[in-house]
Amino acid sequence: MRLTRGLLGIGPTRTFACGDLQDVTTKIVMQTGGSSGIPYYGLTLVDAYGETFEAARYIKDKREAVWLAAEMKRLIAAGR
């Protein structure tokens, strides 16, 4: 898996082997309009040592964020 930071995918890239990753989690990273506003979700990679890496942020649809995390987990498990 490759994780690229920066605008339009231009920036430093970090590569992870599937065996180096243990989980992909979702969390609310921002919310507009206070506690009753729209939440935005992020994806976080967790490596075998428990270190976390932000893989995505500002996903507006919770179902999409959960689906992306599940697909990433499936691909990680298949690559082991």
PDB file of N, CA and C in Angstrom:
ATOM      1  N   MET A   1       0.846  -1.158   0.000  1.00  0.00           N
ATOM      2  CA  MET A   1       0.000   0.000   0.000  1.00  0.00           C
ATOM      3  C   MET A   1       0.898   1.231   0.000  1.00  0.00           C
ATOM      4  N   ARG A   2       0.527   2.217  -0.790  1.00  0.00           N
ATOM      5  CA  ARG A   2       1.294   3.468  -0.834  1.00  0.00           C
ATOM      6  C   ARG A   2       0.466   4.593  -0.254  1.00  0.00           C
ATOM      7  N   LEU A   3       1.094   5.390   0.570  1.00  0.00           N
ATOM      8  CA  LEU A   3       0.456   6.535   1.203  1.00  0.00           C
ATOM      9  C   LEU A   3       1.231   7.770   0.783  1.00  0.00           C
ATOM     10  N   THR A   4       0.569   8.648   0.027  1.00  0.00           N
ATOM     11  CA  THR A   4       1.222   9.858  -0.480  1.00  0.00           C
ATOM     12  C   THR A   4       0.614  11.071   0.191  1.00  0.00           C
ATOM     13  N   ARG A   5       1.452  11.944   0.702  1.00  0.00           N
ATOM     14  CA  ARG A   5       1.014  13.185   1.339  1.00  0.00           C
ATOM     15  C   ARG A   5       1.254  14.332   0.372  1.00  0.00           C
ATOM     16  N   GLY A   6       0.362  15.273   0.342  1.00  0.00           N
ATOM     17  CA  GLY A   6       0.579  16.447  -0.477  1.00  0.00           C
ATOM     18  C   GLY A   6      -0.575  16.714  -1.411  1.00  0.00           C
ATOM     19  N   LEU A   7      -0.543  17.867  -2.013  1.00  0.00           N
ATOM     20  CA  LEU A   7      -1.587  18.309  -2.916  1.00  0.00           C
ATOM     21  C   LEU A   7      -1.539  17.545  -4.232  1.00  0.00           C
ATOM     22  N   LEU A   8      -2.668  16.986  -4.637  1.00  0.00           N
ATOM     23  CA  LEU A   8      -2.816  16.248  -5.902  1.00  0.00           C
ATOM     24  C   LEU A   8      -1.863  15.058  -6.013  1.00  0.00           C
ATOM     25  N   GLY A   9      -1.536  14.455  -4.883  1.00  0.00           N
ATOM     26  CA  GLY A   9      -0.671  13.275  -4.895  1.00  0.00           C
ATOM     27  C   GLY A   9       0.791  13.581  -5.128  1.00  0.00           C
ATOM     28  N   ILE A  10       1.160  14.858  -5.050  1.00  0.00           N
ATOM     29  CA  ILE A  10       2.558  15.245  -5.221  1.00  0.00           C
ATOM     30  C   ILE A  10       3.134  15.501  -3.839  1.00  0.00           C
ATOM     31  N   GLY A  11       4.071  14.681  -3.457  1.00  0.00           N
ATOM     32  CA  GLY A  11       4.667  14.809  -2.141  1.00  0.00           C
ATOM     33  C   GLY A  11       5.360  13.515  -1.767  1.00  0.00           C
ATOM     34  N   PRO A  12       5.827  13.435  -0.538  1.00  0.00           N
ATOM     35  CA  PRO A  12       6.532  12.222  -0.121  1.00  0.00           C
ATOM     36  C   PRO A  12       5.595  11.011  -0.080  1.00  0.00           C
ATOM     37  N   THR A  13       6.109   9.873  -0.463  1.00  0.00           N
ATOM     38  CA  THR A  13       5.334   8.632  -0.490  1.00  0.00           C
ATOM     39  C   THR A  13       5.934   7.633   0.483  1.00  0.00           C
ATOM     40  N   ARG A  14       5.051   6.985   1.234  1.00  0.00           N
ATOM     41  CA  ARG A  14       5.480   5.925   2.136  1.00  0.00           C
ATOM     42  C   ARG A  14       4.827   4.632   1.665  1.00  0.00           C
ATOM     43  N   THR A  15       5.607   3.571   1.578  1.00  0.00           N
ATOM     44  CA  THR A  15       5.103   2.283   1.112  1.00  0.00           C
ATOM     45  C   THR A  15       5.054   1.303   2.276  1.00  0.00           C
ATOM     46  N   PHE A  16       3.937   0.588   2.374  1.00  0.00           N
ATOM     47  CA  PHE A  16       3.734  -0.407   3.424  1.00  0.00           C
ATOM     48  C   PHE A  16       3.516  -1.769   2.774  1.00  0.00           C
ATOM     49  N   ALA A  17       4.149  -2.784   3.300  1.00  0.00           N
ATOM     50  CA  ALA A  17       3.832  -4.158   2.900  1.00  0.00           C
ATOM     51  C   ALA A  17       2.576  -4.564   3.667  1.00  0.00           C
ATOM     52  N   CYS A  18       1.755  -5.413   3.082  1.00  0.00           N
ATOM     53  CA  CYS A  18       0.519  -5.822   3.747  1.00  0.00           C
ATOM     54  C   CYS A  18       0.787  -6.433   5.123  1.00  0.00           C
ATOM     55  N   GLY A  19       1.883  -7.156   5.244  1.00  0.00           N
ATOM     56  CA  GLY A  19       2.233  -7.759   6.529  1.00  0.00           C
ATOM     57  C   GLY A  19       2.608  -6.760   7.595  1.00  0.00           C
ATOM     58  N   ASP A  20       2.906  -5.514   7.187  1.00  0.00           N
ATOM     59  CA  ASP A  20       3.262  -4.473   8.142  1.00  0.00           C
ATOM     60  C   ASP A  20       2.046  -3.734   8.692  1.00  0.00           C
ATOM     61  N   LEU A  21       0.877  -3.986   8.126  1.00  0.00           N
ATOM     62  CA  LEU A  21      -0.337  -3.297   8.565  1.00  0.00           C
ATOM     63  C   LEU A  21      -1.244  -4.263   9.302  1.00  0.00           C
ATOM     64  N   GLN A  22      -1.861  -3.762  10.372  1.00  0.00           N
ATOM     65  CA  GLN A  22      -2.760  -4.634  11.123  1.00  0.00           C
ATOM     66  C   GLN A  22      -4.212  -4.160  11.114  1.00  0.00           C
ATOM     67  N   ASP A  23      -4.446  -2.868  10.817  1.00  0.00           N
ATOM     68  CA  ASP A  23      -5.822  -2.391  10.866  1.00  0.00           C
ATOM     69  C   ASP A  23      -5.983  -1.098  10.076  1.00  0.00           C
ATOM     70  N   VAL A  24      -7.229  -0.828   9.721  1.00  0.00           N
ATOM     71  CA  VAL A  24      -7.631   0.448   9.134  1.00  0.00           C
ATOM     72  C   VAL A  24      -8.848   0.894   9.933  1.00  0.00           C
ATOM     73  N   THR A  25      -8.799   2.086  10.495  1.00  0.00           N
ATOM     74  CA  THR A  25      -9.895   2.563  11.323  1.00  0.00           C
ATOM     75  C   THR A  25     -10.501   3.828  10.722  1.00  0.00           C
ATOM     76  N   THR A  26     -11.738   4.104  11.130  1.00  0.00           N
ATOM     77  CA  THR A  26     -12.399   5.344  10.734  1.00  0.00           C
ATOM     78  C   THR A  26     -12.660   6.163  11.990  1.00  0.00           C
ATOM     79  N   LYS A  27     -12.688   7.476  11.825  1.00  0.00           N
ATOM     80  CA  LYS A  27     -13.046   8.357  12.937  1.00  0.00           C
ATOM     81  C   LYS A  27     -13.504   9.693  12.365  1.00  0.00           C
ATOM     82  N   ILE A  28     -14.243  10.424  13.165  1.00  0.00           N
ATOM     83  CA  ILE A  28     -14.660  11.768  12.768  1.00  0.00           C
ATOM     84  C   ILE A  28     -13.456  12.684  12.957  1.00  0.00           C
ATOM     85  N   VAL A  29     -13.068  13.375  11.893  1.00  0.00           N
ATOM     86  CA  VAL A  29     -11.904  14.264  11.964  1.00  0.00           C
ATOM     87  C   VAL A  29     -12.302  15.734  12.000  1.00  0.00           C
ATOM     88  N   MET A  30     -13.543  16.028  11.616  1.00  0.00           N
ATOM     89  CA  MET A  30     -14.013  17.405  11.621  1.00  0.00           C
ATOM     90  C   MET A  30     -15.534  17.384  11.583  1.00  0.00           C
ATOM     91  N   GLN A  31     -16.143  18.431  12.140  1.00  0.00           N
ATOM     92  CA  GLN A  31     -17.592  18.540  12.075  1.00  0.00           C
ATOM     93  C   GLN A  31     -17.955  20.001  11.867  1.00  0.00           C
ATOM     94  N   THR A  32     -18.777  20.262  10.863  1.00  0.00           N
ATOM     95  CA  THR A  32     -19.210  21.640  10.605  1.00  0.00           C
ATOM     96  C   THR A  32     -20.502  21.914  11.352  1.00  0.00           C
ATOM     97  N   GLY A  33     -20.707  23.129  11.749  1.00  0.00           N
ATOM     98  CA  GLY A  33     -21.967  23.513  12.370  1.00  0.00           C
ATOM     99  C   GLY A  33     -22.160  23.039  13.790  1.00  0.00           C
ATOM    100  N   GLY A  34     -21.080  22.801  14.521  1.00  0.00           N
ATOM    101  CA  GLY A  34     -21.210  22.374  15.910  1.00  0.00           C
ATOM    102  C   GLY A  34     -21.626  20.922  16.043  1.00  0.00           C
ATOM    103  N   SER A  35     -22.177  20.589  17.209  1.00  0.00           N
ATOM    104  CA  SER A  35     -22.493  19.186  17.491  1.00  0.00           C
ATOM    105  C   SER A  35     -23.637  18.648  16.644  1.00  0.00           C
ATOM    106  N   SER A  36     -24.446  19.522  16.049  1.00  0.00           N
ATOM    107  CA  SER A  36     -25.545  19.051  15.210  1.00  0.00           C
ATOM    108  C   SER A  36     -25.213  19.161  13.723  1.00  0.00           C
ATOM    109  N   GLY A  37     -23.960  19.462  13.390  1.00  0.00           N
ATOM    110  CA  GLY A  37     -23.553  19.668  12.008  1.00  0.00           C
ATOM    111  C   GLY A  37     -23.180  18.398  11.280  1.00  0.00           C
ATOM    112  N   ILE A  38     -22.508  18.573  10.168  1.00  0.00           N
ATOM    113  CA  ILE A  38     -22.116  17.460   9.305  1.00  0.00           C
ATOM    114  C   ILE A  38     -20.739  16.944   9.715  1.00  0.00           C
ATOM    115  N   PRO A  39     -20.638  15.648  10.078  1.00  0.00           N
ATOM    116  CA  PRO A  39     -19.327  15.090  10.405  1.00  0.00           C
ATOM    117  C   PRO A  39     -18.574  14.680   9.136  1.00  0.00           C
ATOM    118  N   TYR A  40     -17.271  14.808   9.186  1.00  0.00           N
ATOM    119  CA  TYR A  40     -16.388  14.354   8.114  1.00  0.00           C
ATOM    120  C   TYR A  40     -15.465  13.294   8.705  1.00  0.00           C
ATOM    121  N   TYR A  41     -15.263  12.216   7.963  1.00  0.00           N
ATOM    122  CA  TYR A  41     -14.537  11.056   8.470  1.00  0.00           C
ATOM    123  C   TYR A  41     -13.144  10.955   7.872  1.00  0.00           C
ATOM    124  N   GLY A  42     -12.274  10.316   8.607  1.00  0.00           N
ATOM    125  CA  GLY A  42     -10.928  10.047   8.148  1.00  0.00           C
ATOM    126  C   GLY A  42     -10.617   8.568   8.272  1.00  0.00           C
ATOM    127  N   LEU A  43      -9.622   8.119   7.519  1.00  0.00           N
ATOM    128  CA  LEU A  43      -9.137   6.740   7.600  1.00  0.00           C
ATOM    129  C   LEU A  43      -7.727   6.761   8.160  1.00  0.00           C
ATOM    130  N   THR A  44      -7.472   5.863   9.074  1.00  0.00           N
ATOM    131  CA  THR A  44      -6.159   5.768   9.700  1.00  0.00           C
ATOM    132  C   THR A  44      -5.628   4.353   9.541  1.00  0.00           C
ATOM    133  N   LEU A  45      -4.388   4.240   9.070  1.00  0.00           N
ATOM    134  CA  LEU A  45      -3.713   2.945   8.994  1.00  0.00           C
ATOM    135  C   LEU A  45      -3.007   2.701  10.323  1.00  0.00           C
ATOM    136  N   VAL A  46      -3.046   1.470  10.789  1.00  0.00           N
ATOM    137  CA  VAL A  46      -2.338   1.083  12.007  1.00  0.00           C
ATOM    138  C   VAL A  46      -1.342   0.001  11.626  1.00  0.00           C
ATOM    139  N   ASP A  47      -0.051   0.250  11.894  1.00  0.00           N
ATOM    140  CA  ASP A  47       0.951  -0.748  11.519  1.00  0.00           C
ATOM    141  C   ASP A  47       1.122  -1.783  12.625  1.00  0.00           C
ATOM    142  N   ALA A  48       1.972  -2.747  12.386  1.00  0.00           N
ATOM    143  CA  ALA A  48       2.181  -3.862  13.307  1.00  0.00           C
ATOM    144  C   ALA A  48       2.721  -3.421  14.666  1.00  0.00           C
ATOM    145  N   TYR A  49       3.275  -2.218  14.740  1.00  0.00           N
ATOM    146  CA  TYR A  49       3.838  -1.700  15.995  1.00  0.00           C
ATOM    147  C   TYR A  49       2.878  -0.754  16.700  1.00  0.00           C
ATOM    148  N   GLY A  50       1.668  -0.569  16.148  1.00  0.00           N
ATOM    149  CA  GLY A  50       0.678   0.308  16.739  1.00  0.00           C
ATOM    150  C   GLY A  50       0.792   1.756  16.312  1.00  0.00           C
ATOM    151  N   GLU A  51       1.741   2.064  15.439  1.00  0.00           N
ATOM    152  CA  GLU A  51       1.888   3.429  14.948  1.00  0.00           C
ATOM    153  C   GLU A  51       0.772   3.715  13.944  1.00  0.00           C
ATOM    154  N   THR A  52       0.256   4.945  13.961  1.00  0.00           N
ATOM    155  CA  THR A  52      -0.857   5.294  13.090  1.00  0.00           C
ATOM    156  C   THR A  52      -0.415   6.280  12.009  1.00  0.00           C
ATOM    157  N   PHE A  53      -1.090   6.186  10.857  1.00  0.00           N
ATOM    158  CA  PHE A  53      -0.801   7.040   9.705  1.00  0.00           C
ATOM    159  C   PHE A  53      -2.122   7.464   9.088  1.00  0.00           C
ATOM    160  N   GLU A  54      -2.309   8.754   8.899  1.00  0.00           N
ATOM    161  CA  GLU A  54      -3.533   9.265   8.305  1.00  0.00           C
ATOM    162  C   GLU A  54      -3.546   8.939   6.816  1.00  0.00           C
ATOM    163  N   ALA A  55      -4.559   8.195   6.386  1.00  0.00           N
ATOM    164  CA  ALA A  55      -4.627   7.771   4.991  1.00  0.00           C
ATOM    165  C   ALA A  55      -5.632   8.592   4.191  1.00  0.00           C
ATOM    166  N   ALA A  56      -6.627   9.143   4.846  1.00  0.00           N
ATOM    167  CA  ALA A  56      -7.639   9.959   4.166  1.00  0.00           C
ATOM    168  C   ALA A  56      -8.316  10.824   5.214  1.00  0.00           C
ATOM    169  N   ARG A  57      -8.881  11.934   4.745  1.00  0.00           N
ATOM    170  CA  ARG A  57      -9.658  12.779   5.653  1.00  0.00           C
ATOM    171  C   ARG A  57     -10.721  13.520   4.862  1.00  0.00           C
ATOM    172  N   TYR A  58     -11.680  14.016   5.592  1.00  0.00           N
ATOM    173  CA  TYR A  58     -12.784  14.802   5.026  1.00  0.00           C
ATOM    174  C   TYR A  58     -13.671  14.004   4.075  1.00  0.00           C
ATOM    175  N   ILE A  59     -13.958  12.757   4.436  1.00  0.00           N
ATOM    176  CA  ILE A  59     -14.931  11.946   3.702  1.00  0.00           C
ATOM    177  C   ILE A  59     -16.294  12.263   4.318  1.00  0.00           C
ATOM    178  N   LYS A  60     -17.210  12.783   3.514  1.00  0.00           N
ATOM    179  CA  LYS A  60     -18.487  13.274   4.026  1.00  0.00           C
ATOM    180  C   LYS A  60     -19.475  12.158   4.357  1.00  0.00           C
ATOM    181  N   ASP A  61     -19.411  11.068   3.640  1.00  0.00           N
ATOM    182  CA  ASP A  61     -20.373   9.982   3.791  1.00  0.00           C
ATOM    183  C   ASP A  61     -19.795   8.887   4.692  1.00  0.00           C
ATOM    184  N   LYS A  62     -20.456   8.625   5.820  1.00  0.00           N
ATOM    185  CA  LYS A  62     -19.966   7.607   6.759  1.00  0.00           C
ATOM    186  C   LYS A  62     -19.934   6.221   6.109  1.00  0.00           C
ATOM    187  N   ARG A  63     -20.976   5.894   5.341  1.00  0.00           N
ATOM    188  CA  ARG A  63     -21.004   4.574   4.696  1.00  0.00           C
ATOM    189  C   ARG A  63     -19.832   4.399   3.748  1.00  0.00           C
ATOM    190  N   GLU A  64     -19.466   5.458   3.038  1.00  0.00           N
ATOM    191  CA  GLU A  64     -18.322   5.380   2.134  1.00  0.00           C
ATOM    192  C   GLU A  64     -17.026   5.182   2.915  1.00  0.00           C
ATOM    193  N   ALA A  65     -16.863   5.892   4.021  1.00  0.00           N
ATOM    194  CA  ALA A  65     -15.657   5.751   4.848  1.00  0.00           C
ATOM    195  C   ALA A  65     -15.552   4.333   5.406  1.00  0.00           C
ATOM    196  N   VAL A  66     -16.664   3.804   5.901  1.00  0.00           N
ATOM    197  CA  VAL A  66     -16.671   2.439   6.453  1.00  0.00           C
ATOM    198  C   VAL A  66     -16.386   1.426   5.346  1.00  0.00           C
ATOM    199  N   TRP A  67     -16.977   1.625   4.161  1.00  0.00           N
ATOM    200  CA  TRP A  67     -16.742   0.721   3.036  1.00  0.00           C
ATOM    201  C   TRP A  67     -15.273   0.746   2.616  1.00  0.00           C
ATOM    202  N   LEU A  68     -14.690   1.951   2.504  1.00  0.00           N
ATOM    203  CA  LEU A  68     -13.276   2.053   2.129  1.00  0.00           C
ATOM    204  C   LEU A  68     -12.385   1.340   3.137  1.00  0.00           C
ATOM    205  N   ALA A  69     -12.655   1.526   4.423  1.00  0.00           N
ATOM    206  CA  ALA A  69     -11.860   0.854   5.458  1.00  0.00           C
ATOM    207  C   ALA A  69     -11.998  -0.660   5.329  1.00  0.00           C
ATOM    208  N   ALA A  70     -13.212  -1.152   5.094  1.00  0.00           N
ATOM    209  CA  ALA A  70     -13.429  -2.598   4.952  1.00  0.00           C
ATOM    210  C   ALA A  70     -12.702  -3.153   3.733  1.00  0.00           C
ATOM    211  N   GLU A  71     -12.744  -2.427   2.617  1.00  0.00           N
ATOM    212  CA  GLU A  71     -12.032  -2.868   1.411  1.00  0.00           C
ATOM    213  C   GLU A  71     -10.519  -2.881   1.640  1.00  0.00           C
ATOM    214  N   MET A  72     -10.014  -1.875   2.308  1.00  0.00           N
ATOM    215  CA  MET A  72      -8.576  -1.832   2.596  1.00  0.00           C
ATOM    216  C   MET A  72      -8.173  -2.984   3.503  1.00  0.00           C
ATOM    217  N   LYS A  73      -9.012  -3.277   4.527  1.00  0.00           N
ATOM    218  CA  LYS A  73      -8.730  -4.405   5.413  1.00  0.00           C
ATOM    219  C   LYS A  73      -8.734  -5.716   4.637  1.00  0.00           C
ATOM    220  N   ARG A  74      -9.705  -5.854   3.730  1.00  0.00           N
ATOM    221  CA  ARG A  74      -9.789  -7.081   2.915  1.00  0.00           C
ATOM    222  C   ARG A  74      -8.538  -7.259   2.074  1.00  0.00           C
ATOM    223  N   LEU A  75      -8.077  -6.186   1.452  1.00  0.00           N
ATOM    224  CA  LEU A  75      -6.881  -6.261   0.613  1.00  0.00           C
ATOM    225  C   LEU A  75      -5.622  -6.522   1.440  1.00  0.00           C
ATOM    226  N   ILE A  76      -5.566  -5.950   2.632  1.00  0.00           N
ATOM    227  CA  ILE A  76      -4.429  -6.211   3.521  1.00  0.00           C
ATOM    228  C   ILE A  76      -4.395  -7.687   3.896  1.00  0.00           C
ATOM    229  N   ALA A  77      -5.562  -8.231   4.261  1.00  0.00           N
ATOM    230  CA  ALA A  77      -5.630  -9.647   4.645  1.00  0.00           C
ATOM    231  C   ALA A  77      -5.283 -10.556   3.460  1.00  0.00           C
ATOM    232  N   ALA A  78      -5.718 -10.198   2.262  1.00  0.00           N
ATOM    233  CA  ALA A  78      -5.428 -11.004   1.071  1.00  0.00           C
ATOM    234  C   ALA A  78      -3.941 -10.962   0.708  1.00  0.00           C
ATOM    235  N   GLY A  79      -3.275  -9.892   1.060  1.00  0.00           N
ATOM    236  CA  GLY A  79      -1.869  -9.745   0.716  1.00  0.00           C
ATOM    237  C   GLY A  79      -0.909 -10.411   1.693  1.00  0.00           C
ATOM    238  N   ARG A  80      -1.440 -10.930   2.782  1.00  0.00           N
ATOM    239  CA  ARG A  80      -0.573 -11.579   3.780  1.00  0.00           C
ATOM    240  C   ARG A  80      -0.216 -12.976   3.391  1.00  0.00           C
TER     241      ARG A  80
END
